[in-house]
Amino acid sequence: QLQLVESGGGLVQPGGSLKLSCTASRFMDDYAVGWFRQAPGKEREGVSSISSRGYKTNHADSVQGRFTILRDNARNTVYLQMNSLKPEDTGIYYCAATDRLATWVASRTESEYDYWGQGTQVTVSS
């Protein structure tokens, strides 16, 4: 069973930056990883994802150009660098992993992910 732990959330002012980390309990080279978020009163949405080898990334239009997803397989960790944060980026951010995707696929589809972290709160407010 793969376990995931998110960290790095917090309170930041609009225009600021945060870097989230998703650390796995073991080797994760065969897993694609996605970041999802859930804002108050809204459904969870896929934000960014990265293929298992890191060759492909996929971002939602709302974060394109502001968020970067990176992975360090030697540390079993995937990062989400969030810049130019907006109040609408507020929510609980979850990372998820799956080994059901081809190595070149980065998906933001929730149903394709089997392992989930507990989430970390991100609040963008002045």
Protein backbone atom coordinates (compact mmCIF):
# COMPACT_ATOMS: atom_id res chain seq x y z
CA GLN A 1 0.00 0.00 0.00
CA LEU A 2 1.43 3.35 -1.06
CA GLN A 3 0.98 6.12 1.49
CA LEU A 4 1.19 9.79 0.60
CA VAL A 5 1.78 12.76 2.87
CA GLU A 6 1.31 16.37 1.77
CA SER A 7 3.03 19.34 3.36
CA GLY A 8 3.75 22.99 2.69
CA GLY A 9 0.29 24.51 2.89
CA GLY A 10 -0.48 27.68 4.76
CA LEU A 11 -1.75 31.23 4.59
CA VAL A 12 -0.33 33.49 1.89
CA GLN A 13 -1.25 36.89 0.50
CA PRO A 14 -2.50 37.30 -3.07
CA GLY A 15 0.45 37.34 -5.43
CA GLY A 16 2.53 35.21 -3.11
CA SER A 17 4.00 31.75 -3.54
CA LEU A 18 3.87 28.37 -1.84
CA LYS A 19 5.57 25.07 -2.55
CA LEU A 20 3.67 21.92 -1.69
CA SER A 21 5.34 18.55 -1.24
CA CYS A 22 3.89 15.09 -1.64
CA THR A 23 6.11 12.39 -0.16
CA ALA A 24 5.46 8.71 -0.70
CA SER A 25 6.13 5.90 1.76
CA ARG A 26 8.19 4.01 -0.79
CA PHE A 27 9.58 3.88 -4.32
CA MET A 28 7.25 5.70 -6.68
CA ASP A 29 9.01 5.66 -10.06
CA ASP A 30 6.10 3.70 -11.57
CA TYR A 31 3.41 6.10 -10.37
CA ALA A 32 1.91 9.10 -12.06
CA VAL A 33 1.05 11.79 -9.52
CA GLY A 34 -1.64 14.40 -9.55
CA TRP A 35 -2.51 17.37 -7.39
CA PHE A 36 -6.18 18.04 -6.78
CA ARG A 37 -7.92 20.74 -4.79
CA GLN A 38 -11.28 21.26 -3.20
CA ALA A 39 -12.56 24.74 -2.49
CA PRO A 40 -15.30 25.33 0.08
CA GLY A 41 -18.65 24.34 -1.37
CA LYS A 42 -17.15 23.05 -4.61
CA GLU A 43 -16.25 19.69 -6.05
CA ARG A 44 -12.69 18.51 -6.08
CA GLU A 45 -10.84 19.38 -9.29
CA GLY A 46 -7.60 18.27 -10.87
CA VAL A 47 -4.98 21.00 -10.79
CA SER A 48 -1.74 19.52 -12.12
CA SER A 49 -0.28 16.11 -12.85
CA ILE A 50 3.00 14.55 -13.89
CA SER A 51 3.73 11.26 -15.61
CA SER A 52 5.68 8.54 -13.83
CA ARG A 53 8.97 9.37 -15.52
CA GLY A 54 8.36 13.10 -15.39
CA TYR A 55 8.33 13.59 -19.15
CA LYS A 56 4.78 14.90 -19.34
CA THR A 57 2.85 17.41 -17.26
CA ASN A 58 -0.73 18.56 -17.41
CA HIS A 59 -2.17 21.72 -15.86
CA ALA A 60 -5.66 23.11 -15.56
CA ASP A 61 -6.22 26.29 -17.56
CA SER A 62 -6.79 28.21 -14.33
CA VAL A 63 -3.23 27.54 -13.12
CA GLN A 64 -1.32 27.32 -16.39
CA GLY A 65 1.72 29.57 -16.27
CA ARG A 66 1.50 29.97 -12.49
CA PHE A 67 1.92 26.41 -11.16
CA THR A 68 4.77 24.01 -11.85
CA ILE A 69 4.82 20.33 -10.97
CA LEU A 70 8.14 18.56 -10.49
CA ARG A 71 9.20 15.19 -9.19
CA ASP A 72 12.31 13.91 -7.46
CA ASN A 73 12.06 10.16 -7.59
CA ALA A 74 15.23 9.75 -5.56
CA ARG A 75 13.37 11.39 -2.67
CA ASN A 76 9.99 9.80 -3.47
CA THR A 77 8.59 13.33 -3.61
CA VAL A 78 6.52 15.39 -6.01
CA TYR A 79 6.33 19.16 -5.64
CA LEU A 80 3.76 21.73 -6.67
CA GLN A 81 5.29 25.19 -6.97
CA MET A 82 2.50 27.75 -6.87
CA ASN A 83 3.25 31.34 -7.86
CA SER A 84 1.08 34.44 -8.32
CA LEU A 85 -1.51 32.95 -6.02
CA LYS A 86 -5.08 34.21 -6.16
CA PRO A 87 -7.90 34.00 -3.60
CA GLU A 88 -9.62 31.48 -5.87
CA ASP A 89 -6.69 29.11 -5.35
CA THR A 90 -7.84 28.64 -1.77
CA GLY A 91 -8.76 25.09 -0.83
CA ILE A 92 -7.55 21.77 0.45
CA TYR A 93 -4.86 20.37 -1.80
CA TYR A 94 -4.52 16.61 -2.17
CA CYS A 95 -1.90 14.59 -3.95
CA ALA A 96 -2.76 11.26 -5.50
CA ALA A 97 -0.86 8.49 -7.25
CA THR A 98 -1.61 5.73 -9.71
CA ASP A 99 0.35 3.00 -11.46
CA ARG A 100 -2.43 2.33 -13.99
CA LEU A 101 -1.29 4.91 -16.53
CA ALA A 102 1.27 4.56 -19.28
CA THR A 103 4.62 6.17 -18.47
CA TRP A 104 3.99 9.08 -20.84
CA VAL A 105 0.54 9.99 -19.50
CA ALA A 106 -0.23 12.81 -17.06
CA SER A 107 -3.88 12.79 -16.09
CA ARG A 108 -6.08 15.11 -14.02
CA THR A 109 -8.94 12.63 -13.94
CA GLU A 110 -9.74 11.74 -10.33
CA SER A 111 -11.06 8.25 -11.06
CA GLU A 112 -7.70 7.16 -12.45
CA TYR A 113 -5.99 7.61 -9.09
CA ASP A 114 -5.93 4.95 -6.39
CA TYR A 115 -3.82 6.37 -3.58
CA TRP A 116 -4.57 9.65 -1.85
CA GLY A 117 -3.03 11.80 0.83
CA GLN A 118 -4.94 13.51 3.63
CA GLY A 119 -4.62 16.98 2.15
CA THR A 120 -3.06 20.28 3.13
CA GLN A 121 -4.88 23.59 3.47
CA VAL A 122 -3.93 26.52 1.26
CA THR A 123 -5.50 29.89 2.02
CA VAL A 124 -4.87 32.92 -0.16
CA SER A 125 -6.09 36.03 1.56
CA SER A 126 -5.00 39.52 2.49
